[in-house]
Amino acid sequence: IFWSRFKRVDHRFHNANLSTITPLNTLPNPMERQAAIIDKLRRDPQDSWLLIGPPGNGKTYLMAALYRHAVEDSLRIQLARNESYESVWWASTSVLLNDHVAKEMDIKEAPDPYVTERKIQRVIDRGLRPRLFLDELDKIAVTSFKIRRLGELVNKVYAAEGQLVVTANKGMDQLSALWTSDEAETILRRIGGDEGAHTLYVGPRE
């Protein structure tokens, strides 16, 4: 059950683990800064996080470590209740939203979107905490439909006091300028603003 939850996570990140992760001198990010970042994540692994920074500094690896923690925590709760139900989701933001577009257009043989409002609500109805991990938020080709659907998913998790963990190369100010809509502003506030996650810059300097 545990490893079936990792089918959407690149195999390069399957060994990511908060309890064993250590700074690497192969990263451009200095080791002392890496250690401080890891320490922050270890202190609050169930909180929501926005991991921002340039490519190659370990954002996705850190998210995978948080994802492992979330999956383990969720399974402990569920197996104690003698059940197994997916309540932690990992997705490429662009792939997920493209699947929603295909479904909306009723494209033949389009896959069902991996995460939907209905799936999130089923988790909530079971008394579980929804946890959504979105990789590369800034890579989506923006349309009004995608922004609306992203907002629906984010708001559903946020309203249930779930966990949102997101990676992006661009900061929230940059995304706000690119997305340019009131709905986008709400999404960004809940992902990385005063209303939402801890924002953590994963890079050599802030």
N, C-alpha and C. Protein backbone atom coordinates (compact mmCIF):
# COMPACT_ATOMS: atom_id res chain seq x y z
N ILE A 1 0.84 -1.20 0.00
CA ILE A 1 0.00 0.00 0.00
C ILE A 1 0.88 1.25 0.00
N PHE A 2 1.92 1.22 0.83
CA PHE A 2 2.80 2.38 0.93
C PHE A 2 3.41 2.72 -0.42
N TRP A 3 4.01 1.74 -1.08
CA TRP A 3 4.70 2.05 -2.33
C TRP A 3 3.75 2.33 -3.48
N SER A 4 2.52 1.84 -3.39
CA SER A 4 1.55 2.18 -4.44
C SER A 4 1.25 3.67 -4.45
N ARG A 5 1.45 4.33 -3.31
CA ARG A 5 1.23 5.77 -3.23
C ARG A 5 2.33 6.56 -3.92
N PHE A 6 3.45 5.90 -4.24
CA PHE A 6 4.59 6.59 -4.84
C PHE A 6 4.63 6.45 -6.36
N LYS A 7 3.60 5.89 -6.95
CA LYS A 7 3.66 5.62 -8.39
C LYS A 7 3.77 6.89 -9.23
N ARG A 8 3.35 8.03 -8.70
CA ARG A 8 3.42 9.29 -9.45
C ARG A 8 4.68 10.10 -9.12
N VAL A 9 5.46 9.61 -8.18
CA VAL A 9 6.68 10.31 -7.78
C VAL A 9 7.86 9.72 -8.54
N ASP A 10 8.66 10.55 -9.17
CA ASP A 10 9.84 10.09 -9.90
C ASP A 10 10.69 9.20 -8.99
N HIS A 11 11.16 8.09 -9.54
CA HIS A 11 11.93 7.12 -8.74
C HIS A 11 13.17 7.73 -8.11
N ARG A 12 13.67 8.84 -8.67
CA ARG A 12 14.85 9.50 -8.11
C ARG A 12 14.61 10.00 -6.69
N PHE A 13 13.34 10.20 -6.35
CA PHE A 13 13.01 10.79 -5.05
C PHE A 13 12.42 9.78 -4.07
N HIS A 14 12.45 8.49 -4.43
CA HIS A 14 11.82 7.49 -3.57
C HIS A 14 12.57 7.27 -2.26
N ASN A 15 13.82 7.67 -2.20
CA ASN A 15 14.58 7.49 -0.95
C ASN A 15 14.52 8.72 -0.05
N ALA A 16 13.78 9.75 -0.46
CA ALA A 16 13.68 10.97 0.34
C ALA A 16 12.97 10.66 1.65
N ASN A 17 13.58 11.07 2.76
CA ASN A 17 13.04 10.74 4.07
C ASN A 17 13.47 11.83 5.06
N LEU A 18 12.53 12.45 5.73
CA LEU A 18 12.86 13.53 6.66
C LEU A 18 13.78 13.08 7.78
N SER A 19 13.66 11.82 8.18
CA SER A 19 14.44 11.35 9.33
C SER A 19 15.90 11.08 8.97
N THR A 20 16.18 10.87 7.69
CA THR A 20 17.55 10.53 7.30
C THR A 20 18.19 11.53 6.33
N ILE A 21 17.43 12.49 5.83
CA ILE A 21 17.95 13.43 4.84
C ILE A 21 19.09 14.26 5.44
N THR A 22 20.13 14.46 4.66
CA THR A 22 21.29 15.24 5.11
C THR A 22 21.69 16.23 4.01
N PRO A 23 22.35 17.32 4.38
CA PRO A 23 22.82 18.27 3.37
C PRO A 23 23.81 17.62 2.41
N LEU A 24 23.80 18.09 1.17
CA LEU A 24 24.70 17.56 0.15
C LEU A 24 25.61 18.66 -0.36
N ASN A 25 26.90 18.36 -0.45
CA ASN A 25 27.82 19.39 -0.95
C ASN A 25 27.84 19.46 -2.47
N THR A 26 26.98 18.65 -3.13
CA THR A 26 26.88 18.72 -4.58
C THR A 26 25.86 19.75 -5.03
N LEU A 27 25.08 20.30 -4.09
CA LEU A 27 24.08 21.29 -4.45
C LEU A 27 24.68 22.69 -4.45
N PRO A 28 24.14 23.61 -5.27
CA PRO A 28 24.62 24.99 -5.23
C PRO A 28 24.26 25.68 -3.92
N ASN A 29 23.25 25.18 -3.24
CA ASN A 29 22.83 25.74 -1.97
C ASN A 29 23.83 25.36 -0.88
N PRO A 30 24.42 26.30 -0.14
CA PRO A 30 25.41 25.96 0.89
C PRO A 30 24.89 24.96 1.91
N MET A 31 25.77 24.10 2.42
CA MET A 31 25.34 23.02 3.30
C MET A 31 24.71 23.53 4.59
N GLU A 32 25.23 24.64 5.12
CA GLU A 32 24.64 25.16 6.36
C GLU A 32 23.22 25.66 6.13
N ARG A 33 22.97 26.22 4.93
CA ARG A 33 21.61 26.66 4.62
C ARG A 33 20.70 25.45 4.41
N GLN A 34 21.20 24.41 3.74
CA GLN A 34 20.42 23.19 3.59
C GLN A 34 20.01 22.63 4.95
N ALA A 35 20.96 22.61 5.88
CA ALA A 35 20.69 22.06 7.22
C ALA A 35 19.59 22.85 7.91
N ALA A 36 19.60 24.17 7.76
CA ALA A 36 18.57 25.00 8.39
C ALA A 36 17.20 24.73 7.78
N ILE A 37 17.16 24.54 6.46
CA ILE A 37 15.90 24.24 5.78
C ILE A 37 15.35 22.90 6.24
N ILE A 38 16.20 21.89 6.28
CA ILE A 38 15.78 20.56 6.72
C ILE A 38 15.25 20.61 8.15
N ASP A 39 15.91 21.36 9.00
CA ASP A 39 15.48 21.48 10.39
C ASP A 39 14.08 22.09 10.49
N LYS A 40 13.82 23.10 9.69
CA LYS A 40 12.48 23.73 9.70
C LYS A 40 11.41 22.73 9.28
N LEU A 41 11.68 21.95 8.25
CA LEU A 41 10.69 20.98 7.77
C LEU A 41 10.46 19.88 8.81
N ARG A 42 11.51 19.45 9.46
CA ARG A 42 11.37 18.41 10.48
C ARG A 42 10.53 18.87 11.66
N ARG A 43 10.61 20.17 11.99
CA ARG A 43 9.86 20.68 13.14
C ARG A 43 8.36 20.72 12.86
N ASP A 44 7.99 20.98 11.61
CA ASP A 44 6.56 21.13 11.28
C ASP A 44 6.21 20.36 10.00
N PRO A 45 6.39 19.04 9.98
CA PRO A 45 6.18 18.29 8.74
C PRO A 45 4.73 18.20 8.29
N GLN A 46 3.79 18.47 9.19
CA GLN A 46 2.38 18.37 8.81
C GLN A 46 1.80 19.72 8.40
N ASP A 47 2.60 20.78 8.48
CA ASP A 47 2.14 22.09 8.04
C ASP A 47 2.15 22.18 6.53
N SER A 48 1.54 23.24 6.02
CA SER A 48 1.59 23.52 4.59
C SER A 48 2.87 24.30 4.29
N TRP A 49 3.45 24.00 3.10
CA TRP A 49 4.73 24.62 2.74
C TRP A 49 4.71 25.04 1.27
N LEU A 50 5.27 26.19 1.01
CA LEU A 50 5.56 26.62 -0.35
C LEU A 50 7.08 26.67 -0.49
N LEU A 51 7.62 25.81 -1.33
CA LEU A 51 9.07 25.72 -1.54
C LEU A 51 9.42 26.42 -2.85
N ILE A 52 10.11 27.54 -2.74
CA ILE A 52 10.44 28.38 -3.89
C ILE A 52 11.95 28.41 -4.08
N GLY A 53 12.39 28.44 -5.33
CA GLY A 53 13.80 28.59 -5.60
C GLY A 53 14.16 28.14 -6.99
N PRO A 54 15.36 28.45 -7.44
CA PRO A 54 15.80 28.06 -8.78
C PRO A 54 15.95 26.55 -8.89
N PRO A 55 15.96 26.03 -10.12
CA PRO A 55 16.13 24.59 -10.32
C PRO A 55 17.46 24.09 -9.74
N GLY A 56 17.46 22.84 -9.30
CA GLY A 56 18.69 22.20 -8.86
C GLY A 56 19.05 22.39 -7.42
N ASN A 57 18.13 22.95 -6.62
CA ASN A 57 18.43 23.18 -5.20
C ASN A 57 17.67 22.23 -4.27
N GLY A 58 16.95 21.26 -4.83
CA GLY A 58 16.36 20.21 -4.00
C GLY A 58 14.92 20.42 -3.57
N LYS A 59 14.18 21.31 -4.25
CA LYS A 59 12.78 21.56 -3.86
C LYS A 59 11.93 20.29 -3.93
N THR A 60 12.02 19.59 -5.07
CA THR A 60 11.19 18.41 -5.25
C THR A 60 11.62 17.29 -4.31
N TYR A 61 12.91 17.18 -4.05
CA TYR A 61 13.40 16.16 -3.11
C TYR A 61 12.85 16.43 -1.71
N LEU A 62 12.86 17.69 -1.30
CA LEU A 62 12.33 18.04 0.02
C LEU A 62 10.82 17.78 0.07
N MET A 63 10.12 18.09 -1.02
CA MET A 63 8.69 17.82 -1.04
C MET A 63 8.43 16.33 -0.96
N ALA A 64 9.27 15.52 -1.61
CA ALA A 64 9.11 14.07 -1.54
C ALA A 64 9.29 13.55 -0.12
N ALA A 65 10.22 14.17 0.63
CA ALA A 65 10.41 13.78 2.03
C ALA A 65 9.18 14.10 2.86
N LEU A 66 8.58 15.27 2.61
CA LEU A 66 7.34 15.64 3.29
C LEU A 66 6.20 14.72 2.87
N TYR A 67 6.18 14.36 1.60
CA TYR A 67 5.15 13.46 1.08
C TYR A 67 5.24 12.09 1.75
N ARG A 68 6.44 11.56 1.88
CA ARG A 68 6.62 10.28 2.56
C ARG A 68 6.05 10.36 3.99
N HIS A 69 6.37 11.43 4.68
CA HIS A 69 5.87 11.60 6.04
C HIS A 69 4.34 11.62 6.05
N ALA A 70 3.74 12.33 5.10
CA ALA A 70 2.29 12.42 5.04
C ALA A 70 1.65 11.07 4.74
N VAL A 71 2.24 10.32 3.81
CA VAL A 71 1.71 9.00 3.47
C VAL A 71 1.80 8.06 4.67
N GLU A 72 2.95 8.05 5.33
CA GLU A 72 3.12 7.20 6.50
C GLU A 72 2.11 7.55 7.59
N ASP A 73 1.93 8.85 7.84
CA ASP A 73 1.00 9.30 8.87
C ASP A 73 -0.43 8.91 8.51
N SER A 74 -0.81 9.12 7.26
CA SER A 74 -2.15 8.79 6.81
C SER A 74 -2.43 7.29 6.92
N LEU A 75 -1.45 6.48 6.51
CA LEU A 75 -1.64 5.03 6.57
C LEU A 75 -1.74 4.53 8.01
N ARG A 76 -0.97 5.12 8.91
CA ARG A 76 -1.07 4.72 10.32
C ARG A 76 -2.49 4.93 10.84
N ILE A 77 -3.06 6.07 10.51
CA ILE A 77 -4.42 6.38 10.96
C ILE A 77 -5.42 5.42 10.34
N GLN A 78 -5.29 5.21 9.03
CA GLN A 78 -6.27 4.38 8.33
C GLN A 78 -6.19 2.91 8.71
N LEU A 79 -4.98 2.39 8.81
CA LEU A 79 -4.84 0.96 9.14
C LEU A 79 -5.29 0.67 10.56
N ALA A 80 -5.17 1.66 11.43
CA ALA A 80 -5.71 1.51 12.79
C ALA A 80 -7.23 1.39 12.74
N ARG A 81 -7.82 1.95 11.69
CA ARG A 81 -9.28 1.86 11.50
C ARG A 81 -9.65 0.73 10.54
N ASN A 82 -8.65 -0.08 10.15
CA ASN A 82 -8.85 -1.21 9.25
C ASN A 82 -9.41 -0.77 7.89
N GLU A 83 -8.80 0.27 7.34
CA GLU A 83 -9.20 0.72 6.02
C GLU A 83 -8.00 1.29 5.29
N SER A 84 -8.13 1.44 3.99
CA SER A 84 -7.08 2.05 3.19
C SER A 84 -7.75 2.91 2.12
N TYR A 85 -7.50 4.19 2.18
CA TYR A 85 -8.15 5.12 1.25
C TYR A 85 -7.16 6.23 0.93
N GLU A 86 -7.02 6.55 -0.35
CA GLU A 86 -6.05 7.56 -0.75
C GLU A 86 -6.49 8.95 -0.29
N SER A 87 -5.71 9.54 0.59
CA SER A 87 -6.03 10.87 1.10
C SER A 87 -4.85 11.83 0.94
N VAL A 88 -3.76 11.33 0.36
CA VAL A 88 -2.57 12.13 0.10
C VAL A 88 -2.28 12.01 -1.40
N TRP A 89 -2.21 13.15 -2.08
CA TRP A 89 -2.02 13.13 -3.53
C TRP A 89 -0.78 13.91 -3.93
N TRP A 90 -0.02 13.33 -4.86
CA TRP A 90 1.15 13.99 -5.46
C TRP A 90 0.85 14.17 -6.94
N ALA A 91 1.03 15.38 -7.45
CA ALA A 91 0.75 15.61 -8.87
C ALA A 91 1.63 16.72 -9.43
N SER A 92 1.99 16.56 -10.71
CA SER A 92 2.53 17.67 -11.47
C SER A 92 1.36 18.62 -11.72
N THR A 93 1.51 19.88 -11.37
CA THR A 93 0.39 20.82 -11.49
C THR A 93 -0.09 20.90 -12.93
N SER A 94 0.83 20.98 -13.88
CA SER A 94 0.44 21.13 -15.28
C SER A 94 -0.28 19.89 -15.79
N VAL A 95 0.21 18.70 -15.45
CA VAL A 95 -0.43 17.45 -15.90
C VAL A 95 -1.83 17.33 -15.31
N LEU A 96 -1.95 17.62 -14.03
CA LEU A 96 -3.26 17.53 -13.37
C LEU A 96 -4.27 18.45 -14.03
N LEU A 97 -3.90 19.70 -14.28
CA LEU A 97 -4.83 20.65 -14.86
C LEU A 97 -5.13 20.33 -16.32
N ASN A 98 -4.14 19.80 -17.05
CA ASN A 98 -4.40 19.37 -18.43
C ASN A 98 -5.42 18.23 -18.46
N ASP A 99 -5.35 17.33 -17.48
CA ASP A 99 -6.34 16.24 -17.40
C ASP A 99 -7.74 16.80 -17.12
N HIS A 100 -7.81 17.84 -16.30
CA HIS A 100 -9.11 18.47 -16.04
C HIS A 100 -9.65 19.13 -17.31
N VAL A 101 -8.77 19.74 -18.08
CA VAL A 101 -9.20 20.36 -19.34
C VAL A 101 -9.74 19.30 -20.29
N ALA A 102 -9.01 18.19 -20.44
CA ALA A 102 -9.44 17.12 -21.34
C ALA A 102 -10.79 16.55 -20.91
N LYS A 103 -11.00 16.41 -19.62
CA LYS A 103 -12.27 15.88 -19.12
C LYS A 103 -13.40 16.86 -19.39
N GLU A 104 -13.12 18.14 -19.20
CA GLU A 104 -14.14 19.16 -19.44
C GLU A 104 -14.53 19.20 -20.92
N MET A 105 -13.57 18.96 -21.80
CA MET A 105 -13.83 18.97 -23.24
C MET A 105 -14.39 17.65 -23.73
N ASP A 106 -14.55 16.71 -22.80
CA ASP A 106 -15.11 15.39 -23.12
C ASP A 106 -14.31 14.68 -24.21
N ILE A 107 -13.00 14.78 -24.11
CA ILE A 107 -12.13 14.11 -25.07
C ILE A 107 -12.17 12.61 -24.84
N LYS A 108 -12.37 11.87 -25.90
CA LYS A 108 -12.51 10.42 -25.80
C LYS A 108 -11.25 9.81 -25.20
N GLU A 109 -11.43 8.90 -24.26
CA GLU A 109 -10.36 8.17 -23.58
C GLU A 109 -9.47 9.07 -22.73
N ALA A 110 -9.92 10.27 -22.44
CA ALA A 110 -9.13 11.13 -21.55
C ALA A 110 -9.13 10.52 -20.15
N PRO A 111 -7.99 10.49 -19.48
CA PRO A 111 -7.95 9.91 -18.13
C PRO A 111 -8.73 10.76 -17.14
N ASP A 112 -9.31 10.12 -16.15
CA ASP A 112 -9.96 10.87 -15.09
C ASP A 112 -8.88 11.65 -14.32
N PRO A 113 -9.14 12.89 -14.02
CA PRO A 113 -8.15 13.66 -13.23
C PRO A 113 -7.84 12.95 -11.92
N TYR A 114 -6.58 12.95 -11.56
CA TYR A 114 -6.13 12.24 -10.38
C TYR A 114 -6.70 12.82 -9.10
N VAL A 115 -6.85 14.14 -9.05
CA VAL A 115 -7.42 14.81 -7.88
C VAL A 115 -8.60 15.65 -8.33
N THR A 116 -9.74 15.48 -7.66
CA THR A 116 -10.94 16.25 -7.95
C THR A 116 -11.55 16.72 -6.63
N GLU A 117 -12.46 17.69 -6.73
CA GLU A 117 -13.17 18.13 -5.54
C GLU A 117 -13.93 16.97 -4.90
N ARG A 118 -14.50 16.13 -5.73
CA ARG A 118 -15.27 15.00 -5.20
C ARG A 118 -14.39 14.06 -4.39
N LYS A 119 -13.20 13.77 -4.89
CA LYS A 119 -12.28 12.89 -4.15
C LYS A 119 -11.87 13.53 -2.82
N ILE A 120 -11.61 14.82 -2.85
CA ILE A 120 -11.24 15.51 -1.62
C ILE A 120 -12.39 15.45 -0.62
N GLN A 121 -13.62 15.66 -1.10
CA GLN A 121 -14.78 15.63 -0.21
C GLN A 121 -14.98 14.25 0.40
N ARG A 122 -14.72 13.20 -0.37
CA ARG A 122 -14.87 11.84 0.17
C ARG A 122 -13.90 11.62 1.33
N VAL A 123 -12.70 12.15 1.19
CA VAL A 123 -11.71 12.04 2.26
C VAL A 123 -12.19 12.79 3.50
N ILE A 124 -12.70 13.99 3.29
CA ILE A 124 -13.22 14.79 4.41
C ILE A 124 -14.37 14.06 5.09
N ASP A 125 -15.27 13.48 4.29
CA ASP A 125 -16.42 12.77 4.85
C ASP A 125 -16.01 11.56 5.69
N ARG A 126 -14.85 11.00 5.40
CA ARG A 126 -14.34 9.87 6.18
C ARG A 126 -13.59 10.31 7.44
N GLY A 127 -13.56 11.61 7.66
CA GLY A 127 -12.88 12.12 8.84
C GLY A 127 -11.37 12.16 8.70
N LEU A 128 -10.88 12.15 7.46
CA LEU A 128 -9.45 12.20 7.20
C LEU A 128 -9.04 13.60 6.74
N ARG A 129 -7.78 13.90 6.88
CA ARG A 129 -7.26 15.19 6.46
C ARG A 129 -6.73 15.11 5.03
N PRO A 130 -7.28 15.88 4.10
CA PRO A 130 -6.75 15.86 2.73
C PRO A 130 -5.40 16.54 2.66
N ARG A 131 -4.49 15.95 1.88
CA ARG A 131 -3.13 16.51 1.75
C ARG A 131 -2.76 16.49 0.27
N LEU A 132 -2.48 17.66 -0.27
CA LEU A 132 -2.23 17.81 -1.69
C LEU A 132 -0.84 18.36 -1.93
N PHE A 133 -0.05 17.62 -2.74
CA PHE A 133 1.33 18.00 -3.06
C PHE A 133 1.38 18.32 -4.56
N LEU A 134 1.69 19.58 -4.88
CA LEU A 134 1.70 20.04 -6.27
C LEU A 134 3.10 20.47 -6.65
N ASP A 135 3.65 19.83 -7.66
CA ASP A 135 5.00 20.14 -8.12
C ASP A 135 4.95 21.12 -9.29
N GLU A 136 5.88 22.07 -9.31
CA GLU A 136 6.07 23.00 -10.42
C GLU A 136 4.81 23.81 -10.74
N LEU A 137 4.36 24.54 -9.75
CA LEU A 137 3.17 25.37 -9.89
C LEU A 137 3.31 26.37 -11.04
N ASP A 138 4.51 26.89 -11.25
CA ASP A 138 4.72 27.95 -12.24
C ASP A 138 4.83 27.43 -13.66
N LYS A 139 4.77 26.12 -13.87
CA LYS A 139 4.94 25.57 -15.22
C LYS A 139 3.63 25.46 -16.00
N ILE A 140 2.49 25.79 -15.38
CA ILE A 140 1.23 25.62 -16.09
C ILE A 140 1.08 26.68 -17.18
N ALA A 141 0.46 26.27 -18.31
CA ALA A 141 0.08 27.23 -19.36
C ALA A 141 -1.27 27.80 -18.93
N VAL A 142 -1.26 29.04 -18.47
CA VAL A 142 -2.42 29.60 -17.77
C VAL A 142 -3.59 29.86 -18.70
N THR A 143 -4.78 29.40 -18.28
CA THR A 143 -6.06 29.77 -18.88
C THR A 143 -7.02 30.04 -17.73
N SER A 144 -8.13 30.71 -18.04
CA SER A 144 -9.10 31.01 -16.98
C SER A 144 -9.68 29.73 -16.40
N PHE A 145 -9.88 28.71 -17.24
CA PHE A 145 -10.42 27.44 -16.74
C PHE A 145 -9.43 26.78 -15.77
N LYS A 146 -8.15 26.75 -16.14
CA LYS A 146 -7.16 26.12 -15.27
C LYS A 146 -7.05 26.84 -13.93
N ILE A 147 -7.05 28.16 -13.97
CA ILE A 147 -6.97 28.92 -12.73
C ILE A 147 -8.19 28.63 -11.86
N ARG A 148 -9.36 28.60 -12.48
CA ARG A 148 -10.58 28.31 -11.72
C ARG A 148 -10.54 26.92 -11.10
N ARG A 149 -10.11 25.94 -11.89
CA ARG A 149 -10.08 24.57 -11.36
C ARG A 149 -9.02 24.42 -10.28
N LEU A 150 -7.87 25.05 -10.47
CA LEU A 150 -6.84 25.03 -9.44
C LEU A 150 -7.37 25.66 -8.16
N GLY A 151 -8.09 26.77 -8.31
CA GLY A 151 -8.67 27.43 -7.15
C GLY A 151 -9.65 26.55 -6.41
N GLU A 152 -10.45 25.79 -7.14
CA GLU A 152 -11.43 24.90 -6.52
C GLU A 152 -10.74 23.83 -5.69
N LEU A 153 -9.67 23.27 -6.22
CA LEU A 153 -8.94 22.22 -5.49
C LEU A 153 -8.25 22.79 -4.26
N VAL A 154 -7.55 23.91 -4.45
CA VAL A 154 -6.83 24.53 -3.33
C VAL A 154 -7.80 24.96 -2.23
N ASN A 155 -8.91 25.59 -2.61
CA ASN A 155 -9.88 26.05 -1.63
C ASN A 155 -10.51 24.90 -0.86
N LYS A 156 -10.73 23.78 -1.54
CA LYS A 156 -11.33 22.62 -0.88
C LYS A 156 -10.41 22.07 0.20
N VAL A 157 -9.13 21.95 -0.12
CA VAL A 157 -8.16 21.47 0.87
C VAL A 157 -7.98 22.49 1.98
N TYR A 158 -7.90 23.75 1.61
CA TYR A 158 -7.68 24.82 2.58
C TYR A 158 -8.84 24.90 3.57
N ALA A 159 -10.09 24.82 3.07
CA ALA A 159 -11.27 24.93 3.92
C ALA A 159 -11.35 23.79 4.93
N ALA A 160 -10.79 22.63 4.56
CA ALA A 160 -10.81 21.46 5.44
C ALA A 160 -9.61 21.43 6.39
N GLU A 161 -8.81 22.52 6.37
CA GLU A 161 -7.58 22.59 7.16
C GLU A 161 -6.64 21.43 6.81
N GLY A 162 -6.60 21.14 5.51
CA GLY A 162 -5.70 20.11 5.02
C GLY A 162 -4.30 20.64 4.84
N GLN A 163 -3.46 19.83 4.22
CA GLN A 163 -2.07 20.20 3.99
C GLN A 163 -1.86 20.47 2.51
N LEU A 164 -1.25 21.61 2.20
CA LEU A 164 -0.86 21.96 0.84
C LEU A 164 0.65 22.13 0.81
N VAL A 165 1.32 21.37 -0.04
CA VAL A 165 2.76 21.52 -0.23
C VAL A 165 2.99 21.74 -1.72
N VAL A 166 3.66 22.84 -2.05
CA VAL A 166 3.78 23.27 -3.44
C VAL A 166 5.22 23.68 -3.72
N THR A 167 5.71 23.33 -4.92
CA THR A 167 7.01 23.82 -5.36
C THR A 167 6.83 24.77 -6.54
N ALA A 168 7.73 25.75 -6.64
CA ALA A 168 7.70 26.69 -7.76
C ALA A 168 9.07 27.31 -7.92
N ASN A 169 9.44 27.58 -9.16
CA ASN A 169 10.69 28.31 -9.42
C ASN A 169 10.50 29.81 -9.23
N LYS A 170 9.29 30.29 -9.51
CA LYS A 170 8.99 31.71 -9.40
C LYS A 170 8.32 32.01 -8.07
N GLY A 171 8.53 33.22 -7.57
CA GLY A 171 7.89 33.66 -6.35
C GLY A 171 6.45 34.06 -6.57
N MET A 172 5.73 34.28 -5.49
CA MET A 172 4.32 34.62 -5.58
C MET A 172 4.08 35.95 -6.28
N ASP A 173 4.96 36.93 -6.09
CA ASP A 173 4.80 38.21 -6.77
C ASP A 173 4.91 38.04 -8.28
N GLN A 174 5.84 37.22 -8.71
CA GLN A 174 6.00 36.97 -10.14
C GLN A 174 4.79 36.25 -10.71
N LEU A 175 4.28 35.25 -9.98
CA LEU A 175 3.10 34.52 -10.46
C LEU A 175 1.87 35.41 -10.48
N SER A 176 1.75 36.27 -9.49
CA SER A 176 0.62 37.19 -9.45
C SER A 176 0.62 38.09 -10.69
N ALA A 177 1.80 38.55 -11.08
CA ALA A 177 1.91 39.40 -12.27
C ALA A 177 1.58 38.63 -13.55
N LEU A 178 1.92 37.33 -13.57
CA LEU A 178 1.67 36.51 -14.75
C LEU A 178 0.20 36.07 -14.85
N TRP A 179 -0.39 35.74 -13.73
CA TRP A 179 -1.74 35.17 -13.75
C TRP A 179 -2.83 36.23 -13.84
N THR A 180 -2.62 37.37 -13.22
CA THR A 180 -3.48 38.56 -13.35
C THR A 180 -4.98 38.28 -13.30
N SER A 181 -5.47 37.82 -12.17
CA SER A 181 -6.91 37.71 -11.96
C SER A 181 -7.17 37.69 -10.46
N ASP A 182 -8.37 38.12 -10.06
CA ASP A 182 -8.72 38.12 -8.64
C ASP A 182 -8.70 36.70 -8.08
N GLU A 183 -9.15 35.75 -8.89
CA GLU A 183 -9.17 34.35 -8.45
C GLU A 183 -7.75 33.85 -8.22
N ALA A 184 -6.84 34.24 -9.10
CA ALA A 184 -5.45 33.84 -8.94
C ALA A 184 -4.87 34.42 -7.66
N GLU A 185 -5.24 35.66 -7.33
CA GLU A 185 -4.75 36.29 -6.10
C GLU A 185 -5.17 35.47 -4.88
N THR A 186 -6.40 34.98 -4.87
CA THR A 186 -6.88 34.17 -3.75
C THR A 186 -6.09 32.88 -3.64
N ILE A 187 -5.85 32.23 -4.78
CA ILE A 187 -5.07 30.99 -4.79
C ILE A 187 -3.69 31.23 -4.21
N LEU A 188 -3.04 32.28 -4.67
CA LEU A 188 -1.67 32.56 -4.25
C LEU A 188 -1.60 32.92 -2.78
N ARG A 189 -2.62 33.62 -2.27
CA ARG A 189 -2.63 33.93 -0.84
C ARG A 189 -2.72 32.66 -0.01
N ARG A 190 -3.50 31.70 -0.48
CA ARG A 190 -3.69 30.48 0.29
C ARG A 190 -2.55 29.49 0.13
N ILE A 191 -1.84 29.60 -0.97
CA ILE A 191 -0.67 28.73 -1.16
C ILE A 191 0.55 29.31 -0.48
N GLY A 192 0.75 30.62 -0.60
CA GLY A 192 2.00 31.16 -0.09
C GLY A 192 1.91 32.53 0.55
N GLY A 193 0.70 32.95 0.87
CA GLY A 193 0.54 34.26 1.48
C GLY A 193 0.25 34.16 2.96
N ASP A 194 -0.27 35.25 3.51
CA ASP A 194 -0.55 35.29 4.94
C ASP A 194 -1.57 34.24 5.37
N GLU A 195 -2.45 33.84 4.45
CA GLU A 195 -3.49 32.88 4.80
C GLU A 195 -2.99 31.44 4.75
N GLY A 196 -1.86 31.20 4.11
CA GLY A 196 -1.52 29.82 3.78
C GLY A 196 -0.26 29.28 4.38
N ALA A 197 0.56 28.73 3.53
CA ALA A 197 1.70 27.93 3.94
C ALA A 197 2.86 28.78 4.45
N HIS A 198 3.79 28.08 5.10
CA HIS A 198 5.09 28.69 5.35
C HIS A 198 5.81 28.78 4.00
N THR A 199 6.32 29.94 3.66
CA THR A 199 7.09 30.08 2.43
C THR A 199 8.56 29.89 2.76
N LEU A 200 9.21 28.99 2.03
CA LEU A 200 10.60 28.67 2.30
C LEU A 200 11.39 28.80 1.01
N TYR A 201 12.37 29.71 1.00
CA TYR A 201 13.21 29.87 -0.19
C TYR A 201 14.31 28.82 -0.16
N VAL A 202 14.27 27.94 -1.15
CA VAL A 202 15.26 26.86 -1.24
C VAL A 202 16.28 27.26 -2.29
N GLY A 203 17.28 27.99 -1.86
CA GLY A 203 18.29 28.48 -2.78
C GLY A 203 19.52 28.98 -2.02
N PRO A 204 20.53 29.35 -2.72
CA PRO A 204 21.77 29.78 -2.08
C PRO A 204 21.62 31.00 -1.19
N ARG A 205 20.71 31.89 -1.53
CA ARG A 205 20.53 33.10 -0.72
C ARG A 205 19.13 33.63 -0.93
N GLU A 206 18.66 34.43 0.01
CA GLU A 206 17.33 35.02 -0.09
C GLU A 206 17.44 36.46 -0.57
